[in-house]
Protein backbone atom coordinates (compact mmCIF):
# COMPACT_ATOMS: atom_id res chain seq x y z
CA MET A 1 -0.02 -0.15 -0.01
CA THR A 2 0.94 3.49 -0.83
CA ASN A 3 2.70 5.34 1.99
CA PRO A 4 0.24 8.60 2.84
CA LYS A 5 2.77 10.92 2.13
CA GLU A 6 4.11 9.66 -0.67
CA ALA A 7 0.50 9.14 -2.08
CA ALA A 8 -0.12 13.15 -1.18
CA SER A 9 2.99 14.14 -2.82
CA LEU A 10 2.43 12.54 -6.34
CA LEU A 11 -1.52 13.41 -5.69
CA GLN A 12 0.40 16.99 -5.02
CA MET A 13 1.78 17.05 -9.04
CA THR A 14 -1.57 17.22 -10.75
CA PRO A 15 -3.87 20.70 -10.20
CA PHE A 16 -7.41 20.03 -9.72
CA ILE A 17 -9.22 22.68 -11.06
CA SER A 18 -13.16 22.88 -11.22
CA LEU A 19 -15.68 24.98 -9.06
CA PHE A 20 -14.37 23.62 -5.80
CA LEU A 21 -10.68 23.78 -4.06
CA LEU A 22 -9.99 20.24 -2.49
CA ALA A 23 -7.08 19.72 -0.61
CA ILE A 24 -5.42 16.92 1.06
CA PHE A 25 -4.24 17.69 4.66
CA PRO A 26 -1.35 17.97 5.15
CA TYR A 27 -0.53 18.58 1.80
CA PRO A 28 -3.00 20.54 0.00
CA ILE A 29 -3.63 20.55 -3.40
CA VAL A 30 -5.25 24.34 -3.99
CA SER A 31 -6.99 24.25 -7.66
CA SER A 32 -6.57 27.76 -9.16
CA LYS A 33 -9.03 27.89 -11.93
CA TYR A 34 -12.27 26.28 -12.86
CA PHE A 35 -14.01 23.92 -14.18
CA GLN A 36 -13.78 25.45 -17.66
CA SER A 37 -15.00 26.37 -21.08
CA PHE A 38 -13.27 27.45 -23.66
CA ASP A 39 -14.69 29.66 -26.41
CA PHE A 40 -12.48 29.58 -29.34
CA PRO A 41 -13.05 31.84 -32.35
CA GLN A 42 -15.08 30.82 -35.96
CA GLN A 43 -12.09 30.99 -38.05
CA LEU A 44 -10.46 28.19 -36.69
CA ASP A 45 -13.18 25.41 -37.94
CA GLY A 46 -11.29 24.09 -40.84
CA CYS A 47 -7.97 24.86 -40.02
CA HIS A 48 -4.88 22.48 -41.18
CA LYS A 49 -1.24 22.00 -41.25
CA GLY A 50 1.08 24.33 -43.66
CA GLN A 51 -2.02 27.87 -42.87
CA THR A 52 -1.24 30.51 -40.84
CA VAL A 53 -4.36 31.60 -38.98
CA LYS A 54 -4.74 34.56 -36.32
CA SER A 55 -5.51 32.60 -33.02
CA ILE A 56 -3.84 29.42 -33.73
CA HIS A 57 -1.38 30.14 -30.84
CA GLU A 58 -4.61 29.66 -28.13
CA ILE A 59 -5.12 26.41 -29.68
CA LYS A 60 -1.22 25.21 -28.87
CA GLN A 61 -2.02 26.85 -25.18
CA TYR A 62 -5.29 24.49 -24.60
CA LEU A 63 -3.69 21.49 -26.21
CA ARG A 64 -0.27 22.24 -24.23
CA LYS A 65 -2.14 23.13 -20.80
CA PHE A 66 -3.62 19.62 -21.29
CA GLY A 67 -0.77 17.38 -21.81
CA TYR A 68 -0.72 17.34 -25.83
CA LEU A 69 2.25 19.46 -26.93
CA ASP A 70 5.19 19.16 -24.44
CA VAL A 71 7.03 19.00 -26.84
CA TYR A 72 6.72 23.10 -27.22
CA ASN A 73 8.23 23.14 -23.57
CA ASN A 74 11.89 23.70 -25.57
CA HIS A 75 10.01 25.81 -27.76
CA THR A 76 8.51 28.55 -26.48
CA GLU A 77 8.21 30.38 -29.84
CA HIS A 78 6.62 27.90 -31.63
CA GLU A 79 3.79 28.08 -29.05
CA ASP A 80 2.96 31.76 -29.32
CA ASN A 81 2.84 31.84 -33.28
CA ASP A 82 -0.19 31.14 -35.10
CA GLU A 83 1.46 28.90 -37.72
CA PHE A 84 -0.54 25.50 -38.06
CA ASP A 85 3.04 23.12 -37.92
CA ASP A 86 3.89 19.12 -37.89
CA ILE A 87 4.01 19.34 -34.14
CA LEU A 88 0.37 20.52 -33.73
CA GLU A 89 -1.14 18.39 -36.21
CA SER A 90 0.48 15.43 -33.97
CA GLY A 91 -1.26 16.60 -31.36
CA ILE A 92 -4.46 17.28 -32.64
CA ARG A 93 -4.64 13.46 -33.78
CA THR A 94 -3.72 12.63 -30.19
CA TYR A 95 -6.28 14.71 -28.52
CA GLN A 96 -9.20 13.38 -31.66
CA PHE A 97 -8.23 9.83 -30.31
CA ASN A 98 -8.70 10.30 -26.94
CA TYR A 99 -12.02 11.77 -27.52
CA HIS A 100 -13.26 9.34 -30.04
CA LEU A 101 -12.86 11.68 -33.09
CA LYS A 102 -11.71 11.24 -36.74
CA ALA A 103 -8.45 11.29 -36.31
CA THR A 104 -7.21 13.61 -39.18
CA GLY A 105 -5.11 16.10 -37.52
CA LYS A 106 -7.32 19.06 -38.51
CA LEU A 107 -9.21 21.41 -36.46
CA ASP A 108 -12.19 19.92 -38.33
CA ALA A 109 -15.91 21.21 -36.86
CA GLN A 110 -16.40 18.03 -34.25
CA THR A 111 -12.81 19.00 -33.39
CA VAL A 112 -13.17 22.36 -32.53
CA LYS A 113 -17.42 22.18 -30.64
CA GLN A 114 -15.17 19.09 -28.28
CA THR A 115 -12.39 22.12 -27.50
CA ARG A 116 -15.05 24.40 -26.42
CA LEU A 117 -17.10 22.22 -24.64
CA PRO A 118 -16.75 22.67 -20.33
CA ARG A 119 -14.04 20.20 -18.89
CA CYS A 120 -11.59 19.88 -16.12
CA GLY A 121 -8.64 21.32 -16.12
CA VAL A 122 -6.55 17.82 -14.69
CA PRO A 123 -4.65 17.35 -17.76
CA ASP A 124 -5.50 14.11 -20.12
CA ILE A 125 -2.29 13.65 -21.01
CA VAL A 126 0.68 13.90 -17.67
CA ASN A 127 4.79 13.38 -17.98
CA GLY A 128 3.40 11.33 -21.57
CA LYS A 129 0.82 8.95 -20.21
CA ARG A 130 -2.18 9.29 -21.86
CA SER A 131 -5.21 8.94 -18.89
CA GLY A 132 -8.20 6.55 -19.98
CA LYS A 133 -6.46 4.68 -22.01
CA LYS A 134 -5.48 1.71 -19.93
CA LYS A 135 -7.53 -0.95 -20.59
CA HIS A 136 -9.03 -3.88 -18.10
CA THR A 137 -10.04 -7.20 -19.39
CA LYS A 138 -11.92 -9.40 -17.53
CA GLY A 139 -12.72 -13.16 -18.40
CA GLY A 140 -9.12 -14.16 -20.01
CA LYS A 141 -8.33 -15.50 -23.58
CA SER A 142 -10.78 -18.07 -23.48
CA SER A 143 -13.90 -16.31 -22.27
CA SER A 144 -16.38 -15.27 -25.06
CA VAL A 145 -17.15 -12.39 -22.54
CA HIS A 146 -14.45 -9.42 -21.91
CA ASN A 147 -15.42 -6.35 -19.80
CA VAL A 148 -13.42 -3.28 -21.25
CA SER A 149 -12.72 -0.26 -18.98
CA HIS A 150 -11.57 2.63 -19.75
CA TYR A 151 -10.72 3.84 -16.11
CA SER A 152 -7.18 5.07 -15.06
CA PHE A 153 -5.14 5.87 -11.96
CA PHE A 154 -2.19 8.78 -11.45
CA GLN A 155 1.37 7.88 -12.02
CA GLY A 156 2.40 5.98 -9.31
CA SER A 157 -1.35 5.48 -8.62
CA PRO A 158 -0.88 7.07 -5.38
CA ARG A 159 -4.36 6.12 -2.88
CA TRP A 160 -5.37 6.56 0.75
CA PRO A 161 -4.17 3.88 3.47
CA SER A 162 -5.64 1.12 4.51
CA SER A 163 -5.74 2.24 7.70
CA LYS A 164 -7.69 5.51 6.95
CA PRO A 165 -11.37 4.11 5.60
CA HIS A 166 -12.78 7.02 7.15
CA LEU A 167 -12.10 11.02 5.78
CA THR A 168 -13.37 14.09 7.03
CA TYR A 169 -14.02 17.61 4.97
CA GLN A 170 -14.63 20.87 6.51
CA PHE A 171 -15.30 23.95 4.26
CA SER A 172 -13.30 26.74 3.83
CA SER A 173 -14.01 29.98 5.52
CA THR A 174 -14.11 32.14 2.68
CA ILE A 175 -17.11 30.68 1.43
CA PRO A 176 -20.09 33.39 1.92
CA VAL A 177 -22.97 32.23 4.36
CA THR A 178 -25.89 32.68 2.01
CA ASP A 179 -24.03 29.70 -0.31
CA LEU A 180 -22.57 27.23 2.58
CA LYS A 181 -26.12 25.72 3.00
CA THR A 182 -26.08 24.49 -0.55
CA LEU A 183 -22.81 24.03 -0.93
CA LYS A 184 -22.84 21.44 2.44
CA THR A 185 -25.67 19.81 0.84
CA VAL A 186 -24.39 19.20 -2.98
CA SER A 187 -21.06 17.89 -1.08
CA SER A 188 -23.01 15.71 1.08
CA ARG A 189 -24.59 14.17 -1.87
CA ALA A 190 -21.31 14.26 -3.62
CA PHE A 191 -19.58 12.00 -1.13
CA ALA A 192 -22.43 9.43 -0.47
CA ARG A 193 -22.52 8.56 -4.37
CA TRP A 194 -18.60 7.49 -3.47
CA ALA A 195 -19.39 5.84 -0.31
CA GLU A 196 -21.98 3.76 -2.13
CA VAL A 197 -19.76 1.77 -4.08
CA SER A 198 -16.44 1.93 -1.81
CA HIS A 199 -15.18 1.04 1.96
CA PHE A 200 -15.12 4.72 2.11
CA THR A 201 -17.27 6.58 4.62
CA PHE A 202 -17.01 10.60 5.03
CA SER A 203 -17.75 13.29 7.30
CA GLU A 204 -17.36 17.05 8.01
CA ALA A 205 -15.03 18.28 10.68
CA THR A 206 -15.34 21.28 12.53
CA ASP A 207 -11.08 21.53 12.72
CA GLU A 208 -8.71 19.94 10.76
CA ALA A 209 -9.51 17.95 8.63
CA ASP A 210 -8.63 16.07 5.70
CA ILE A 211 -10.18 17.58 2.72
CA VAL A 212 -10.96 21.34 2.64
CA ILE A 213 -13.95 22.48 0.41
CA GLY A 214 -14.32 26.19 -1.22
CA PHE A 215 -16.79 27.61 -3.60
CA TYR A 216 -16.53 29.66 -6.94
CA SER A 217 -19.65 30.29 -9.14
CA GLY A 218 -21.21 32.58 -11.67
CA ASP A 219 -18.90 33.95 -14.52
CA HIS A 220 -15.14 32.58 -14.60
CA GLY A 221 -13.87 34.90 -16.81
CA ASP A 222 -13.49 32.77 -19.72
CA GLY A 223 -16.43 34.17 -21.68
CA SER A 224 -19.07 30.88 -20.34
CA SER A 225 -20.47 30.58 -17.14
CA PHE A 226 -20.94 26.91 -15.83
CA ASP A 227 -22.84 26.26 -12.96
CA GLY A 228 -23.23 22.55 -12.09
CA PRO A 229 -21.57 22.19 -8.72
CA GLU A 230 -22.97 18.77 -7.71
CA THR A 231 -21.36 17.06 -11.22
CA VAL A 232 -18.20 19.08 -10.40
CA ALA A 233 -18.15 17.73 -6.61
CA VAL A 234 -18.38 13.94 -7.82
CA HIS A 235 -15.88 14.22 -10.49
CA GLU A 236 -13.27 16.11 -7.96
CA ILE A 237 -13.94 13.82 -5.52
CA GLY A 238 -12.68 10.51 -7.81
CA HIS A 239 -9.79 12.43 -7.91
CA LEU A 240 -8.72 12.69 -4.37
CA LEU A 241 -9.65 9.43 -4.19
CA GLY A 242 -7.27 8.41 -7.31
CA LEU A 243 -8.85 8.09 -10.24
CA GLU A 244 -7.59 10.23 -13.17
CA HIS A 245 -9.59 10.66 -16.26
CA SER A 246 -11.83 7.78 -18.19
CA SER A 247 -12.44 7.47 -21.56
CA GLU A 248 -15.84 6.62 -20.89
CA PRO A 249 -17.98 9.29 -22.18
CA LYS A 250 -20.67 8.64 -19.95
CA ALA A 251 -18.06 8.38 -16.79
CA ILE A 252 -18.27 10.91 -14.08
CA MET A 253 -14.34 10.83 -14.59
CA TYR A 254 -14.74 11.94 -18.30
CA PRO A 255 -13.03 15.48 -18.35
CA THR A 256 -15.75 17.08 -20.08
CA ILE A 257 -19.18 17.78 -20.21
CA LEU A 258 -22.01 18.97 -22.54
CA PHE A 259 -23.25 22.30 -21.87
CA GLY A 260 -26.74 22.49 -19.66
CA SER A 261 -25.88 19.08 -18.79
CA LEU A 262 -26.02 17.45 -15.38
CA LYS A 263 -23.94 14.29 -14.44
CA ARG A 264 -24.10 13.07 -10.76
CA GLN A 265 -24.77 9.47 -10.95
CA LEU A 266 -21.22 7.33 -10.87
CA HIS A 267 -21.26 5.12 -13.93
CA GLY A 268 -20.54 1.37 -14.08
CA ASP A 269 -16.33 2.25 -15.55
CA ASP A 270 -16.23 4.64 -11.83
CA VAL A 271 -16.92 2.17 -10.10
CA GLN A 272 -14.22 -0.44 -11.81
CA GLY A 273 -11.71 2.35 -11.29
CA ILE A 274 -12.29 3.10 -7.38
CA ARG A 275 -12.83 -1.03 -6.52
CA SER A 276 -9.92 -2.12 -8.87
CA LEU A 277 -7.62 1.16 -6.62
CA TYR A 278 -8.96 -0.16 -2.79
CA GLY A 279 -10.59 -3.33 -3.30
CA HIS A 280 -14.33 -4.65 -3.55
CA LEU A 281 -17.14 -4.07 -0.73
CA ALA A 282 -17.19 -6.97 2.15
């Protein structure tokens, strides 16, 4: 079982970005942004390699943010220009593959539409490892029944120690009193989703806690507002328990969500993921 200090350290390597600020005590992970949506200019639709189009650099920055263009780390001059180069084409192909789109390497309408959806700020690819692509097959080669899962874990599979099945949480003192009642209700339901399918139990603490919850709402300053706190809470708790993103679109751990939709129930892939990491219920 992973040492708790090691687990917290590994989890700290990945920023948790959402409407909520969640932290693991005593190694806090502080979110600095939100579950964002991105409003890319219409002229990017249809762009392909060899073109120079205004705002291409915005797509490059987006793809780099989520792990698709790490190669630009040593070539920042290319990241900031509007040239559609070989590196960008390769990054777009990987992005398209990850989101079950036709891997053309072009910014076709479906690809641009996907990039505009609200999404979690945890990268899809960390240190060259693409999340949600480690498939687990049950039944063996000779079995006619195959259950392929799409969940994934953070590098090193950090987890809470078996000696700590009960986790406590508290709310940040910066939360307006008018929002606190709603946030408590939403958070309680979100924790209950994971408690139902795992060995974990959760309760609110008045002093020192394992998880600290903050709250952001309204316009995120990125051109779009997103109000789905329970959806985001269930997703972010999954991260804090050790789950990375899933490539199953119906899973709560899928990185994006359609505008106006709510996703509160755990999918079978989410359940398989948490039980694979911590074991099945007795």
